[in-house]
Amino acid sequence: MRRNLLAAAALALLPFGAFASEPPADAPVIDIAVAGETQGTIRIALRPDLAPNHVAQILSLVRDGAYDGVVFHRVIDGFMAQTGDVEFGRQSGDMARAGMGGSALPDLRAEFSDEPFERGVVGMARSQSPHSANSQFFIMFAPAPHLNGQYTVVGQVIEGLEVLDAIKRGRGPNGAIIGAPDFMADVTIEE
């Protein structure tokens, strides 16, 4: 019994990052400054080793400032927080349309991998077509094995899980936000 308690305590002390695989040492990192009711920074290590085309598109959008001012339009407690609609998801935009758009860049072909959707994993949102990801992405609050092999993994949170956990939650099964949603005030590439 004592041995089991010690093992459980040791596991609890392990740093976050126990993923099926770790990002490459030279993986690009983006910093998302979250504003609204929640304040703080979420740091994400991108995974070009898993999804090179998706990561390249995200980096292009970050460099262009396209994600700045974009809301977390769909936040489902115990599941995920979704953002990245650079067309309709602006903080000053029509929230009824948030989540329906993308960027002017082309949609991407799926880059599915064996990387599981665990807490802190970042995936690309898409429509029913597996080849429709564009700019929207989601960050997992908890494991979601039903997404494994169905969505493209593009990164993982390496700092700021407490900020992720504080993002304003939506209501109902689709996680729509009532009132003013939290948003990405500034998204930068760590140099």
C-alpha atoms as a PDB file:
ATOM      1  CA  MET A   1       0.000   0.000   0.000  1.00  0.00           C
ATOM      2  CA  ARG A   2       2.772   2.408   0.985  1.00  0.00           C
ATOM      3  CA  ARG A   3       4.654   1.603  -2.232  1.00  0.00           C
ATOM      4  CA  ASN A   4       1.538   2.416  -4.308  1.00  0.00           C
ATOM      5  CA  LEU A   5       1.126   5.748  -2.530  1.00  0.00           C
ATOM      6  CA  LEU A   6       4.780   6.620  -3.105  1.00  0.00           C
ATOM      7  CA  ALA A   7       4.495   5.722  -6.787  1.00  0.00           C
ATOM      8  CA  ALA A   8       1.353   7.832  -7.144  1.00  0.00           C
ATOM      9  CA  ALA A   9       3.041  10.760  -5.384  1.00  0.00           C
ATOM     10  CA  ALA A  10       6.089  10.467  -7.642  1.00  0.00           C
ATOM     11  CA  LEU A  11       3.887  10.484 -10.749  1.00  0.00           C
ATOM     12  CA  ALA A  12       2.032  13.548  -9.506  1.00  0.00           C
ATOM     13  CA  LEU A  13       5.341  15.413  -9.218  1.00  0.00           C
ATOM     14  CA  LEU A  14       6.370  14.735 -12.810  1.00  0.00           C
ATOM     15  CA  PRO A  15       6.328  17.863 -14.973  1.00  0.00           C
ATOM     16  CA  PHE A  16       3.606  18.269 -17.532  1.00  0.00           C
ATOM     17  CA  GLY A  17       4.663  16.898 -20.874  1.00  0.00           C
ATOM     18  CA  ALA A  18       4.169  13.158 -20.637  1.00  0.00           C
ATOM     19  CA  PHE A  19       3.058  12.806 -24.239  1.00  0.00           C
ATOM     20  CA  ALA A  20       3.431   9.856 -26.559  1.00  0.00           C
ATOM     21  CA  SER A  21       6.309  11.803 -28.100  1.00  0.00           C
ATOM     22  CA  GLU A  22       8.039  15.052 -27.322  1.00  0.00           C
ATOM     23  CA  PRO A  23       8.469  17.920 -29.795  1.00  0.00           C
ATOM     24  CA  PRO A  24      11.877  18.244 -31.437  1.00  0.00           C
ATOM     25  CA  ALA A  25      14.367  20.376 -29.499  1.00  0.00           C
ATOM     26  CA  ASP A  26      14.257  23.013 -32.248  1.00  0.00           C
ATOM     27  CA  ALA A  27      10.450  23.056 -32.524  1.00  0.00           C
ATOM     28  CA  PRO A  28       8.985  26.533 -33.034  1.00  0.00           C
ATOM     29  CA  VAL A  29       7.184  27.935 -29.996  1.00  0.00           C
ATOM     30  CA  ILE A  30       4.303  30.398 -30.100  1.00  0.00           C
ATOM     31  CA  ASP A  31       3.191  32.552 -27.189  1.00  0.00           C
ATOM     32  CA  ILE A  32      -0.510  33.370 -26.943  1.00  0.00           C
ATOM     33  CA  ALA A  33      -1.304  36.362 -24.713  1.00  0.00           C
ATOM     34  CA  VAL A  34      -4.858  35.677 -23.517  1.00  0.00           C
ATOM     35  CA  ALA A  35      -7.044  38.645 -22.533  1.00  0.00           C
ATOM     36  CA  GLY A  36     -10.615  39.210 -21.400  1.00  0.00           C
ATOM     37  CA  GLU A  37     -11.798  37.735 -18.104  1.00  0.00           C
ATOM     38  CA  THR A  38      -8.683  35.547 -18.223  1.00  0.00           C
ATOM     39  CA  GLN A  39      -5.213  37.082 -18.367  1.00  0.00           C
ATOM     40  CA  GLY A  40      -1.976  35.230 -19.020  1.00  0.00           C
ATOM     41  CA  THR A  41       0.164  33.465 -21.588  1.00  0.00           C
ATOM     42  CA  ILE A  42      -0.112  30.021 -23.125  1.00  0.00           C
ATOM     43  CA  ARG A  43       3.112  28.721 -24.700  1.00  0.00           C
ATOM     44  CA  ILE A  44       2.754  26.076 -27.383  1.00  0.00           C
ATOM     45  CA  ALA A  45       5.538  23.995 -28.904  1.00  0.00           C
ATOM     46  CA  LEU A  46       4.497  23.329 -32.487  1.00  0.00           C
ATOM     47  CA  ARG A  47       5.059  19.914 -34.066  1.00  0.00           C
ATOM     48  CA  PRO A  48       6.455  20.210 -37.609  1.00  0.00           C
ATOM     49  CA  ASP A  49       7.609  16.610 -37.189  1.00  0.00           C
ATOM     50  CA  LEU A  50       3.934  15.556 -37.142  1.00  0.00           C
ATOM     51  CA  ALA A  51       2.248  18.151 -39.368  1.00  0.00           C
ATOM     52  CA  PRO A  52       4.729  20.255 -41.366  1.00  0.00           C
ATOM     53  CA  ASN A  53       2.144  21.892 -43.648  1.00  0.00           C
ATOM     54  CA  HIS A  54      -0.230  22.802 -40.815  1.00  0.00           C
ATOM     55  CA  VAL A  55       2.603  24.222 -38.709  1.00  0.00           C
ATOM     56  CA  ALA A  56       3.872  26.269 -41.671  1.00  0.00           C
ATOM     57  CA  GLN A  57       0.382  27.738 -42.152  1.00  0.00           C
ATOM     58  CA  ILE A  58       0.028  28.581 -38.444  1.00  0.00           C
ATOM     59  CA  LEU A  59       3.436  30.279 -38.436  1.00  0.00           C
ATOM     60  CA  SER A  60       2.500  32.278 -41.534  1.00  0.00           C
ATOM     61  CA  LEU A  61      -0.708  33.467 -39.861  1.00  0.00           C
ATOM     62  CA  VAL A  62       1.171  34.369 -36.668  1.00  0.00           C
ATOM     63  CA  ARG A  63       3.778  36.356 -38.634  1.00  0.00           C
ATOM     64  CA  ASP A  64       0.963  38.255 -40.389  1.00  0.00           C
ATOM     65  CA  GLY A  65      -0.713  39.088 -37.051  1.00  0.00           C
ATOM     66  CA  ALA A  66      -3.849  37.269 -38.213  1.00  0.00           C
ATOM     67  CA  TYR A  67      -4.534  35.647 -34.821  1.00  0.00           C
ATOM     68  CA  ASP A  68      -4.284  38.891 -32.831  1.00  0.00           C
ATOM     69  CA  GLY A  69      -7.707  39.838 -31.450  1.00  0.00           C
ATOM     70  CA  VAL A  70      -9.336  36.484 -32.309  1.00  0.00           C
ATOM     71  CA  VAL A  71     -11.733  35.050 -29.699  1.00  0.00           C
ATOM     72  CA  PHE A  72     -12.065  31.643 -28.099  1.00  0.00           C
ATOM     73  CA  HIS A  73     -15.487  31.117 -29.688  1.00  0.00           C
ATOM     74  CA  ARG A  74     -16.166  27.523 -28.594  1.00  0.00           C
ATOM     75  CA  VAL A  75     -15.138  26.349 -25.135  1.00  0.00           C
ATOM     76  CA  ILE A  76     -16.518  23.080 -23.780  1.00  0.00           C
ATOM     77  CA  ASP A  77     -15.697  22.315 -20.149  1.00  0.00           C
ATOM     78  CA  GLY A  78     -13.844  19.031 -19.795  1.00  0.00           C
ATOM     79  CA  PHE A  79     -13.149  18.863 -23.536  1.00  0.00           C
ATOM     80  CA  MET A  80     -11.448  21.751 -25.373  1.00  0.00           C
ATOM     81  CA  ALA A  81     -11.139  25.478 -26.157  1.00  0.00           C
ATOM     82  CA  GLN A  82     -11.364  26.451 -29.844  1.00  0.00           C
ATOM     83  CA  THR A  83     -10.096  29.630 -31.505  1.00  0.00           C
ATOM     84  CA  GLY A  84      -8.412  30.787 -34.698  1.00  0.00           C
ATOM     85  CA  ASP A  85     -11.281  31.963 -36.902  1.00  0.00           C
ATOM     86  CA  VAL A  86      -9.351  34.863 -38.423  1.00  0.00           C
ATOM     87  CA  GLU A  87     -12.238  35.704 -40.774  1.00  0.00           C
ATOM     88  CA  PHE A  88     -15.257  35.978 -38.457  1.00  0.00           C
ATOM     89  CA  GLY A  89     -13.794  35.479 -34.982  1.00  0.00           C
ATOM     90  CA  ARG A  90     -12.412  38.940 -34.296  1.00  0.00           C
ATOM     91  CA  GLN A  91     -13.127  40.407 -30.887  1.00  0.00           C
ATOM     92  CA  SER A  92     -15.057  43.238 -32.546  1.00  0.00           C
ATOM     93  CA  GLY A  93     -16.863  40.922 -34.977  1.00  0.00           C
ATOM     94  CA  ASP A  94     -20.272  39.263 -35.123  1.00  0.00           C
ATOM     95  CA  MET A  95     -20.035  36.457 -32.562  1.00  0.00           C
ATOM     96  CA  ALA A  96     -22.936  34.658 -34.259  1.00  0.00           C
ATOM     97  CA  ARG A  97     -20.574  33.954 -37.184  1.00  0.00           C
ATOM     98  CA  ALA A  98     -17.462  33.157 -35.128  1.00  0.00           C
ATOM     99  CA  GLY A  99     -16.254  29.658 -35.910  1.00  0.00           C
ATOM    100  CA  MET A 100     -17.592  29.636 -39.474  1.00  0.00           C
ATOM    101  CA  GLY A 101     -14.549  31.067 -41.209  1.00  0.00           C
ATOM    102  CA  GLY A 102     -10.886  30.591 -41.873  1.00  0.00           C
ATOM    103  CA  SER A 103      -8.132  32.503 -43.583  1.00  0.00           C
ATOM    104  CA  ALA A 104      -7.477  33.451 -47.206  1.00  0.00           C
ATOM    105  CA  LEU A 105      -4.859  30.689 -47.292  1.00  0.00           C
ATOM    106  CA  PRO A 106      -5.857  27.337 -48.810  1.00  0.00           C
ATOM    107  CA  ASP A 107      -7.379  24.541 -46.756  1.00  0.00           C
ATOM    108  CA  LEU A 108      -4.908  21.818 -45.871  1.00  0.00           C
ATOM    109  CA  ARG A 109      -4.831  18.092 -46.524  1.00  0.00           C
ATOM    110  CA  ALA A 110      -5.002  16.056 -43.329  1.00  0.00           C
ATOM    111  CA  GLU A 111      -1.725  15.174 -41.628  1.00  0.00           C
ATOM    112  CA  PHE A 112      -3.049  12.643 -39.128  1.00  0.00           C
ATOM    113  CA  SER A 113      -0.570  10.952 -36.796  1.00  0.00           C
ATOM    114  CA  ASP A 114      -0.485   8.444 -33.967  1.00  0.00           C
ATOM    115  CA  GLU A 115      -0.052  11.243 -31.410  1.00  0.00           C
ATOM    116  CA  PRO A 116      -2.974  10.960 -28.960  1.00  0.00           C
ATOM    117  CA  PHE A 117      -5.235  13.838 -27.995  1.00  0.00           C
ATOM    118  CA  GLU A 118      -4.233  14.288 -24.359  1.00  0.00           C
ATOM    119  CA  ARG A 119      -4.533  17.276 -22.027  1.00  0.00           C
ATOM    120  CA  GLY A 120      -2.677  20.236 -23.538  1.00  0.00           C
ATOM    121  CA  VAL A 121      -2.476  18.836 -27.075  1.00  0.00           C
ATOM    122  CA  VAL A 122      -3.313  21.309 -29.848  1.00  0.00           C
ATOM    123  CA  GLY A 123      -5.262  20.088 -32.881  1.00  0.00           C
ATOM    124  CA  MET A 124      -6.549  21.690 -36.059  1.00  0.00           C
ATOM    125  CA  ALA A 125     -10.292  22.211 -36.314  1.00  0.00           C
ATOM    126  CA  ARG A 126     -11.997  21.219 -39.550  1.00  0.00           C
ATOM    127  CA  SER A 127     -15.394  20.601 -41.120  1.00  0.00           C
ATOM    128  CA  GLN A 128     -16.689  17.133 -42.016  1.00  0.00           C
ATOM    129  CA  SER A 129     -14.016  16.864 -44.691  1.00  0.00           C
ATOM    130  CA  PRO A 130     -10.691  15.667 -43.255  1.00  0.00           C
ATOM    131  CA  HIS A 131      -8.940  17.984 -45.739  1.00  0.00           C
ATOM    132  CA  SER A 132     -10.579  21.243 -44.610  1.00  0.00           C
ATOM    133  CA  ALA A 133      -8.356  22.538 -41.779  1.00  0.00           C
ATOM    134  CA  ASN A 134      -7.321  26.137 -42.320  1.00  0.00           C
ATOM    135  CA  SER A 135      -6.674  28.477 -39.384  1.00  0.00           C
ATOM    136  CA  GLN A 136      -8.830  27.305 -36.483  1.00  0.00           C
ATOM    137  CA  PHE A 137      -7.326  25.172 -33.748  1.00  0.00           C
ATOM    138  CA  PHE A 138      -8.319  23.755 -30.382  1.00  0.00           C
ATOM    139  CA  ILE A 139      -6.495  22.989 -27.136  1.00  0.00           C
ATOM    140  CA  MET A 140      -7.506  19.970 -25.069  1.00  0.00           C
ATOM    141  CA  PHE A 141      -8.617  20.308 -21.432  1.00  0.00           C
ATOM    142  CA  ALA A 142      -8.654  16.517 -21.081  1.00  0.00           C
ATOM    143  CA  PRO A 143      -7.878  13.373 -23.082  1.00  0.00           C
ATOM    144  CA  ALA A 144     -10.221  12.708 -26.024  1.00  0.00           C
ATOM    145  CA  PRO A 145      -9.310   9.339 -27.558  1.00  0.00           C
ATOM    146  CA  HIS A 146     -12.219   9.579 -30.014  1.00  0.00           C
ATOM    147  CA  LEU A 147     -10.243  12.328 -31.826  1.00  0.00           C
ATOM    148  CA  ASN A 148      -7.124  10.178 -32.268  1.00  0.00           C
ATOM    149  CA  GLY A 149      -6.315   9.699 -35.942  1.00  0.00           C
ATOM    150  CA  GLN A 150      -9.279  11.901 -36.932  1.00  0.00           C
ATOM    151  CA  TYR A 151      -7.757  15.364 -36.477  1.00  0.00           C
ATOM    152  CA  THR A 152      -4.281  16.759 -37.091  1.00  0.00           C
ATOM    153  CA  VAL A 153      -2.085  17.300 -34.016  1.00  0.00           C
ATOM    154  CA  VAL A 154      -0.041  20.493 -34.428  1.00  0.00           C
ATOM    155  CA  GLY A 155       1.427  21.141 -30.991  1.00  0.00           C
ATOM    156  CA  GLN A 156       1.241  20.924 -27.242  1.00  0.00           C
ATOM    157  CA  VAL A 157       1.081  23.385 -24.370  1.00  0.00           C
ATOM    158  CA  ILE A 158       4.444  23.634 -22.612  1.00  0.00           C
ATOM    159  CA  GLU A 159       3.492  26.461 -20.218  1.00  0.00           C
ATOM    160  CA  GLY A 160       0.257  28.135 -19.215  1.00  0.00           C
ATOM    161  CA  LEU A 161      -2.123  25.265 -18.531  1.00  0.00           C
ATOM    162  CA  GLU A 162      -3.499  27.325 -15.649  1.00  0.00           C
ATOM    163  CA  VAL A 163      -4.376  30.065 -18.166  1.00  0.00           C
ATOM    164  CA  LEU A 164      -6.037  27.505 -20.443  1.00  0.00           C
ATOM    165  CA  ASP A 165      -8.036  26.182 -17.483  1.00  0.00           C
ATOM    166  CA  ALA A 166      -9.270  29.708 -16.663  1.00  0.00           C
ATOM    167  CA  ILE A 167     -10.608  30.537 -20.154  1.00  0.00           C
ATOM    168  CA  LYS A 168     -14.286  31.481 -20.057  1.00  0.00           C
ATOM    169  CA  ARG A 169     -16.463  28.431 -20.702  1.00  0.00           C
ATOM    170  CA  GLY A 170     -19.330  28.267 -23.139  1.00  0.00           C
ATOM    171  CA  ARG A 171     -22.775  26.845 -22.587  1.00  0.00           C
ATOM    172  CA  GLY A 172     -24.675  23.990 -24.126  1.00  0.00           C
ATOM    173  CA  PRO A 173     -23.356  21.103 -26.179  1.00  0.00           C
ATOM    174  CA  ASN A 174     -21.617  23.335 -28.728  1.00  0.00           C
ATOM    175  CA  GLY A 175     -19.799  25.445 -26.111  1.00  0.00           C
ATOM    176  CA  ALA A 176     -21.003  28.815 -27.455  1.00  0.00           C
ATOM    177  CA  ILE A 177     -19.851  31.741 -25.327  1.00  0.00           C
ATOM    178  CA  ILE A 178     -22.471  34.010 -23.781  1.00  0.00           C
ATOM    179  CA  GLY A 179     -21.298  37.617 -23.535  1.00  0.00           C
ATOM    180  CA  ALA A 180     -17.730  38.681 -24.236  1.00  0.00           C
ATOM    181  CA  PRO A 181     -15.384  35.738 -24.858  1.00  0.00           C
ATOM    182  CA  ASP A 182     -11.740  35.628 -23.863  1.00  0.00           C
ATOM    183  CA  PHE A 183      -9.443  36.262 -26.821  1.00  0.00           C
ATOM    184  CA  MET A 184      -5.890  36.035 -28.138  1.00  0.00           C
ATOM    185  CA  ALA A 185      -4.658  39.604 -27.701  1.00  0.00           C
ATOM    186  CA  ASP A 186      -1.240  38.941 -29.197  1.00  0.00           C
ATOM    187  CA  VAL A 187       0.293  35.812 -30.716  1.00  0.00           C
ATOM    188  CA  THR A 188       4.028  35.761 -31.328  1.00  0.00           C
ATOM    189  CA  ILE A 189       6.737  33.326 -32.352  1.00  0.00           C
ATOM    190  CA  GLU A 190       9.361  32.876 -29.670  1.00  0.00           C
ATOM    191  CA  GLU A 191      12.737  33.737 -31.136  1.00  0.00           C
END
